[in-house]
Amino acid sequence: MPEIRTGCESGTLGCVDCKKRVSDTINIAFEPIREKRKVLEADTASVLKIIEHGEERAREVAASTMKDVHEAMKFG
């Protein structure tokens, strides 16, 4: 935010006020993440499904990568 930089450089914005503004902005930015975390904490079955899906997808990608590696290295 340009006004914060100007205030800091000119000395019209104190460090405590500056830090308060920054912390308020960070808290606002993280609020949706906190809400999503609450939802996920209450639904562990969905979290486990997400993890299982990710694990399955990672295996598929790894298998494809290893196939490419084997072909490149001319392994039978």
Protein backbone atom coordinates (compact mmCIF):
# COMPACT_ATOMS: atom_id res chain seq x y z
CA MET A 1 0.00 0.00 0.00
CA PRO A 2 1.59 3.25 -1.11
CA GLU A 3 0.17 5.30 1.78
CA ILE A 4 1.93 3.06 4.30
CA ARG A 5 5.27 3.48 2.55
CA THR A 6 4.78 7.24 2.35
CA GLY A 7 3.76 7.39 6.02
CA CYS A 8 6.74 5.31 7.12
CA GLU A 9 9.24 7.29 5.04
CA SER A 10 7.87 10.64 6.21
CA GLY A 11 7.57 9.58 9.83
CA THR A 12 3.84 10.32 10.02
CA LEU A 13 2.96 6.66 10.48
CA GLY A 14 4.37 5.07 13.60
CA CYS A 15 5.68 1.51 13.69
CA VAL A 16 2.91 0.30 16.00
CA ASP A 17 0.22 1.70 13.68
CA CYS A 18 1.99 0.24 10.68
CA LYS A 19 2.23 -3.21 12.26
CA LYS A 20 -1.44 -3.06 13.26
CA ARG A 21 -2.46 -2.30 9.70
CA VAL A 22 -0.32 -5.12 8.38
CA SER A 23 -1.68 -7.63 10.91
CA ASP A 24 -5.26 -6.56 10.17
CA THR A 25 -4.67 -7.00 6.44
CA ILE A 26 -3.10 -10.43 6.97
CA ASN A 27 -5.98 -11.54 9.20
CA ILE A 28 -8.52 -10.48 6.57
CA ALA A 29 -6.59 -12.28 3.84
CA PHE A 30 -6.38 -15.52 5.85
CA GLU A 31 -10.00 -15.59 7.01
CA PRO A 32 -11.27 -17.70 4.07
CA ILE A 33 -8.48 -20.21 4.71
CA ARG A 34 -9.40 -20.42 8.39
CA GLU A 35 -13.05 -21.00 7.50
CA LYS A 36 -12.15 -23.75 5.03
CA ARG A 37 -9.95 -25.38 7.67
CA LYS A 38 -12.88 -25.43 10.13
CA VAL A 39 -15.06 -27.15 7.53
CA LEU A 40 -12.38 -29.72 6.74
CA GLU A 41 -11.65 -30.41 10.42
CA ALA A 42 -15.32 -31.28 10.88
CA ASP A 43 -15.36 -33.65 7.88
CA THR A 44 -12.40 -36.00 8.20
CA ALA A 45 -13.97 -38.50 5.79
CA SER A 46 -13.76 -35.96 2.97
CA VAL A 47 -10.18 -35.13 3.88
CA LEU A 48 -9.25 -38.82 3.69
CA LYS A 49 -10.93 -39.10 0.28
CA ILE A 50 -8.96 -36.07 -0.94
CA ILE A 51 -5.71 -37.63 0.31
CA GLU A 52 -6.54 -40.99 -1.30
CA HIS A 53 -7.36 -39.31 -4.61
CA GLY A 54 -4.11 -37.35 -4.48
CA GLU A 55 -2.16 -40.50 -3.71
CA GLU A 56 -3.78 -42.31 -6.65
CA ARG A 57 -3.06 -39.41 -9.00
CA ALA A 58 0.56 -39.18 -7.81
CA ARG A 59 1.04 -42.90 -8.51
CA GLU A 60 -0.32 -42.44 -12.04
CA VAL A 61 2.01 -39.53 -12.73
CA ALA A 62 4.99 -41.37 -11.22
CA ALA A 63 4.28 -44.49 -13.28
CA SER A 64 4.09 -42.42 -16.46
CA THR A 65 7.32 -40.64 -15.58
CA MET A 66 9.12 -43.90 -14.85
CA LYS A 67 7.87 -45.33 -18.16
CA ASP A 68 9.42 -42.33 -19.95
CA VAL A 69 12.65 -42.78 -17.99
CA HIS A 70 12.87 -46.46 -18.84
CA GLU A 71 12.25 -45.74 -22.51
CA ALA A 72 14.87 -42.98 -22.55
CA MET A 73 17.43 -45.23 -20.88
CA LYS A 74 16.45 -48.14 -23.15
CA PHE A 75 15.51 -50.47 -20.31
CA GLY A 76 13.59 -53.44 -21.66
